[in-house]
Protein backbone atom coordinates (compact mmCIF):
# COMPACT_ATOMS: atom_id res chain seq x y z
CA MET A 1 8.84 -7.13 14.54
CA ARG A 2 9.67 -6.30 18.14
CA PRO A 3 8.11 -3.01 19.30
CA GLU A 4 10.56 -0.34 20.40
CA THR A 5 10.34 1.21 23.86
CA ALA A 6 11.13 4.64 25.21
CA ARG A 7 14.20 3.21 26.95
CA HIS A 8 16.04 3.00 23.64
CA GLY A 9 17.56 6.23 22.36
CA PRO A 10 19.29 9.40 23.55
CA LEU A 11 16.84 10.07 26.41
CA ALA A 12 18.18 7.07 28.33
CA HIS A 13 21.58 8.77 28.64
CA ASP A 14 20.69 12.46 29.04
CA ALA A 15 19.19 13.45 32.40
CA GLY A 16 19.21 17.13 31.40
CA LEU A 17 17.10 16.43 28.33
CA GLN A 18 14.68 14.35 30.40
CA LEU A 19 14.23 17.22 32.87
CA TYR A 20 13.78 19.74 30.04
CA LEU A 21 11.07 17.65 28.37
CA ARG A 22 9.21 17.15 31.64
CA SER A 23 9.35 20.90 32.30
CA LEU A 24 8.15 21.61 28.75
CA ALA A 25 5.23 19.19 29.16
CA HIS A 26 4.32 20.89 32.46
CA ASP A 27 4.27 24.34 30.83
CA PHE A 28 2.20 23.08 27.90
CA ASN A 29 -0.32 21.60 30.33
CA ASN A 30 -0.71 24.98 32.03
CA LEU A 31 -1.40 26.69 28.68
CA LEU A 32 -3.78 23.94 27.58
CA GLY A 33 -5.63 24.20 30.87
CA ALA A 34 -6.34 27.85 30.11
CA ILE A 35 -7.55 26.97 26.60
CA LEU A 36 -9.82 24.22 27.92
CA GLY A 37 -11.25 26.47 30.62
CA ASN A 38 -12.03 29.30 28.23
CA ALA A 39 -13.52 26.95 25.64
CA ALA A 40 -15.80 25.48 28.30
CA LEU A 41 -16.79 29.02 29.37
CA LEU A 42 -17.50 29.98 25.75
CA GLU A 43 -19.78 26.96 25.38
CA THR A 44 -21.96 28.24 28.25
CA MET A 45 -22.25 31.69 26.64
CA VAL A 46 -23.72 30.61 23.29
CA PRO A 47 -26.99 28.87 22.36
CA PRO A 48 -26.82 25.06 22.69
CA GLY A 49 -26.49 23.35 19.31
CA SER A 50 -25.38 26.55 17.57
CA GLU A 51 -22.38 26.77 15.26
CA ALA A 52 -20.49 28.66 17.97
CA ALA A 53 -21.22 25.87 20.47
CA GLU A 54 -19.93 23.27 18.00
CA THR A 55 -16.79 25.36 17.47
CA ALA A 56 -16.21 25.56 21.24
CA LEU A 57 -16.56 21.78 21.44
CA ILE A 58 -14.01 21.28 18.64
CA ILE A 59 -11.57 23.56 20.49
CA GLN A 60 -12.05 21.52 23.66
CA ARG A 61 -11.45 18.22 21.87
CA ALA A 62 -8.32 19.52 20.16
CA ALA A 63 -6.96 20.83 23.47
CA GLU A 64 -7.75 17.51 25.18
CA ARG A 65 -5.79 15.68 22.46
CA ALA A 66 -2.91 18.11 22.92
CA THR A 67 -3.02 17.43 26.68
CA GLU A 68 -2.76 13.69 25.99
CA LEU A 69 0.20 14.33 23.69
CA SER A 70 1.85 16.44 26.39
CA GLY A 71 1.33 13.59 28.86
CA HIS A 72 2.93 11.22 26.36
CA LEU A 73 5.94 13.54 26.16
CA SER A 74 6.21 13.57 29.95
CA ARG A 75 6.03 9.76 30.14
CA ALA A 76 8.72 9.47 27.47
CA ALA A 77 10.94 11.81 29.49
CA ARG A 78 10.49 9.46 32.47
CA LEU A 79 11.53 6.55 30.19
CA GLU A 80 8.17 4.84 30.55
CA PRO A 81 7.37 2.36 27.74
CA PRO A 82 4.46 3.17 25.37
CA ARG A 83 1.02 2.06 26.52
CA HIS A 84 -0.43 -1.15 25.10
CA GLU A 85 -4.23 -1.08 24.91
CA PRO A 86 -7.04 -1.69 22.38
CA VAL A 87 -7.40 1.33 20.07
CA ASP A 88 -10.41 2.15 17.87
CA LEU A 89 -9.00 3.56 14.62
CA ASN A 90 -12.47 4.58 13.44
CA ALA A 91 -12.99 6.80 16.47
CA SER A 92 -9.66 8.53 15.82
CA LEU A 93 -10.47 9.13 12.15
CA ARG A 94 -13.91 10.57 12.96
CA GLU A 95 -12.32 13.02 15.37
CA ILE A 96 -9.56 13.91 12.90
CA ALA A 97 -12.09 14.48 10.11
CA GLU A 98 -14.02 16.89 12.33
CA LEU A 99 -10.86 18.88 13.11
CA LEU A 100 -9.50 18.78 9.56
CA ARG A 101 -12.64 20.00 7.77
CA VAL A 102 -12.39 23.50 9.24
CA THR A 103 -8.83 23.88 7.88
CA LEU A 104 -9.46 22.75 4.28
CA PRO A 105 -9.45 25.07 1.25
CA PRO A 106 -12.99 25.64 -0.11
CA ARG A 107 -12.63 23.26 -3.08
CA VAL A 108 -11.18 20.32 -1.16
CA LEU A 109 -13.56 17.49 -0.24
CA LEU A 110 -12.90 15.23 2.75
CA ARG A 111 -14.41 11.73 2.60
CA THR A 112 -14.41 8.92 5.16
CA GLU A 113 -14.94 5.21 4.49
CA LEU A 114 -14.81 3.40 7.82
CA ALA A 115 -15.21 -0.36 8.07
CA ASP A 116 -17.74 -1.67 10.58
CA PRO A 117 -16.89 -3.87 12.34
CA LEU A 118 -13.17 -3.12 12.50
CA PRO A 119 -10.72 -5.08 14.68
CA ALA A 120 -9.10 -3.06 17.44
CA VAL A 121 -5.40 -2.27 17.13
CA MET A 122 -3.23 -2.95 20.16
CA GLY A 123 -0.95 -0.05 20.93
CA ASP A 124 -0.55 3.44 22.32
CA SER A 125 -3.71 5.46 21.57
CA VAL A 126 -1.88 8.81 21.62
CA GLU A 127 0.81 7.64 19.19
CA LEU A 128 -1.71 6.04 16.83
CA HIS A 129 -3.87 9.17 16.81
CA GLN A 130 -0.75 11.21 16.06
CA LEU A 131 0.12 8.85 13.19
CA ALA A 132 -3.33 9.22 11.60
CA LEU A 133 -3.41 12.99 12.15
CA ASN A 134 0.00 13.45 10.51
CA LEU A 135 -1.09 11.45 7.46
CA ALA A 136 -4.28 13.50 7.19
CA THR A 137 -2.53 16.87 7.51
CA ASN A 138 0.12 15.74 5.03
CA ALA A 139 -2.68 15.01 2.53
CA ARG A 140 -4.23 18.43 3.18
CA ASP A 141 -0.90 20.21 2.72
CA ALA A 142 -0.19 18.27 -0.49
CA ILE A 143 -3.41 19.49 -2.11
CA ALA A 144 -2.95 23.00 -0.69
CA SER A 145 0.43 23.17 -2.48
CA LEU A 146 -1.29 23.05 -5.89
CA SER A 147 -1.51 26.34 -7.79
CA GLU A 148 -5.31 26.02 -7.61
CA PRO A 149 -6.03 23.87 -4.55
CA SER A 150 -8.85 21.42 -5.22
CA GLY A 151 -9.27 17.70 -4.84
CA VAL A 152 -10.26 14.90 -2.50
CA ILE A 153 -8.85 13.48 0.73
CA LEU A 154 -9.97 10.01 1.76
CA LEU A 155 -9.62 8.66 5.30
CA ALA A 156 -10.46 4.96 5.35
CA THR A 157 -10.19 1.77 7.36
CA ALA A 158 -10.68 -1.86 6.41
CA ALA A 159 -10.62 -5.23 8.13
CA THR A 160 -7.99 -7.60 6.75
CA PRO A 161 -7.39 -11.34 7.27
CA HIS A 162 -4.52 -10.45 9.60
CA GLY A 163 -5.73 -7.30 11.38
CA ALA A 164 -6.77 -3.79 10.34
CA MET A 165 -5.75 -1.33 7.63
CA LEU A 166 -5.59 2.45 7.81
CA ARG A 167 -5.55 4.28 4.47
CA VAL A 168 -5.10 7.97 3.64
CA HIS A 169 -5.39 8.98 -0.01
CA ASP A 170 -5.12 12.40 -1.63
CA THR A 171 -5.41 13.73 -5.17
CA GLY A 172 -2.50 16.14 -4.74
CA PRO A 173 0.62 16.50 -6.89
CA GLY A 174 2.03 13.07 -6.03
CA ILE A 175 5.57 12.12 -5.04
CA PRO A 176 8.34 11.26 -7.54
CA ARG A 177 9.71 7.74 -7.14
CA ASP A 178 13.22 8.96 -6.34
CA LEU A 179 11.89 10.87 -3.33
CA GLN A 180 9.55 8.25 -1.89
CA GLN A 181 12.11 6.87 0.56
CA ARG A 182 13.51 10.27 1.51
CA ILE A 183 10.16 11.71 2.63
CA PHE A 184 10.39 9.65 5.83
CA GLN A 185 13.70 11.25 6.79
CA PRO A 186 13.60 13.92 9.53
CA PHE A 187 13.10 17.50 8.24
CA PHE A 188 12.88 16.44 4.59
CA THR A 189 10.14 18.22 2.66
CA THR A 190 9.19 18.48 -1.01
CA ARG A 191 7.42 21.82 -0.53
CA GLU A 192 9.29 25.02 -1.27
CA GLY A 193 9.16 27.67 1.41
CA GLU A 194 8.28 25.17 4.14
CA ALA A 195 8.85 26.67 7.57
CA SER A 196 11.95 25.66 9.49
CA GLY A 197 11.30 22.71 11.79
CA ARG A 198 8.69 21.15 9.52
CA GLY A 199 9.17 17.88 7.68
CA LEU A 200 8.74 15.65 10.74
CA GLY A 201 5.18 14.42 10.15
CA LEU A 202 6.00 11.43 7.96
CA THR A 203 9.06 10.61 10.07
CA ILE A 204 6.72 10.24 13.05
CA VAL A 205 4.32 8.14 10.95
CA GLU A 206 7.07 5.72 9.96
CA ARG A 207 8.45 5.37 13.48
CA VAL A 208 5.06 4.88 15.14
CA ALA A 209 4.12 2.27 12.53
CA ARG A 210 7.40 0.44 13.13
CA ARG A 211 6.93 0.54 16.91
CA HIS A 212 3.52 -1.11 16.47
CA GLY A 213 4.79 -3.84 14.16
CA ALA A 214 2.78 -2.40 11.26
CA GLN A 215 3.59 -2.44 7.55
CA LEU A 216 3.65 0.99 5.87
CA THR A 217 3.33 1.26 2.09
CA LEU A 218 3.16 4.24 -0.24
CA HIS A 219 1.76 4.26 -3.78
CA SER A 220 2.26 7.49 -5.70
CA GLU A 221 3.02 8.89 -9.14
CA PRO A 222 3.62 12.53 -10.09
CA GLY A 223 0.27 14.12 -10.91
CA GLN A 224 -1.67 11.14 -9.51
CA GLY A 225 -1.77 11.93 -5.79
CA ALA A 226 -0.52 9.72 -2.97
CA ASP A 227 -1.92 6.68 -1.21
CA PHE A 228 -0.56 5.67 2.21
CA GLN A 229 -1.62 2.32 3.68
CA ILE A 230 -0.70 0.93 7.09
CA LEU A 231 -1.43 -2.71 7.91
CA PHE A 232 -1.69 -3.39 11.64
CA PRO A 233 -1.39 -6.93 12.98
CA ALA A 234 -4.32 -8.51 14.81
CA PRO A 235 -4.19 -8.41 18.63
CA ARG A 236 -2.47 -11.42 20.17
């Protein structure tokens, strides 16, 4: 499968949209700079190794990731192709697990099963982190939609004969078969009362996987949770 590039799509023909996105990325960077600066200041005001210091560090890491995403938006607006570099999926999942744990309902357990060694995936590190984060937050939101939120989220990797696999499993309500293709459509959501503008997470997952020549599969039954697996090809 031939990877897509940023030169394909509406941006290539809309100079006004390109300028708007670059301006938006610039403004986000200014806001994120303030967050990073204050988080760094907070870290100096609390005892080293304390819970408050760990929280300040998590804020810094999240803001740094957001800065990378903003830079990715700016590069896309300039019609630059995605980066192509070795990416450590395990490192991304460890960081995502750290961020996700503080947002989970009390009776939801987050587990990680990370293969070691794991082949690197060739691709854009920002896009691949976004893919994994969207799968993880989708799993969290699925369990949170239960009348009594409780269950398990699994973030896992595995080496395969042809590359590496990323797996995200949840014990949420599951997805009916007739909706399993529609969930990858923009703005589609199975959750009542979902805020306007949501429903893009799995669309991004599908498109990033396709751009990286990966195979995305979903196994789910109502009441049995959902299991997303992405098979990435070995570096060439």
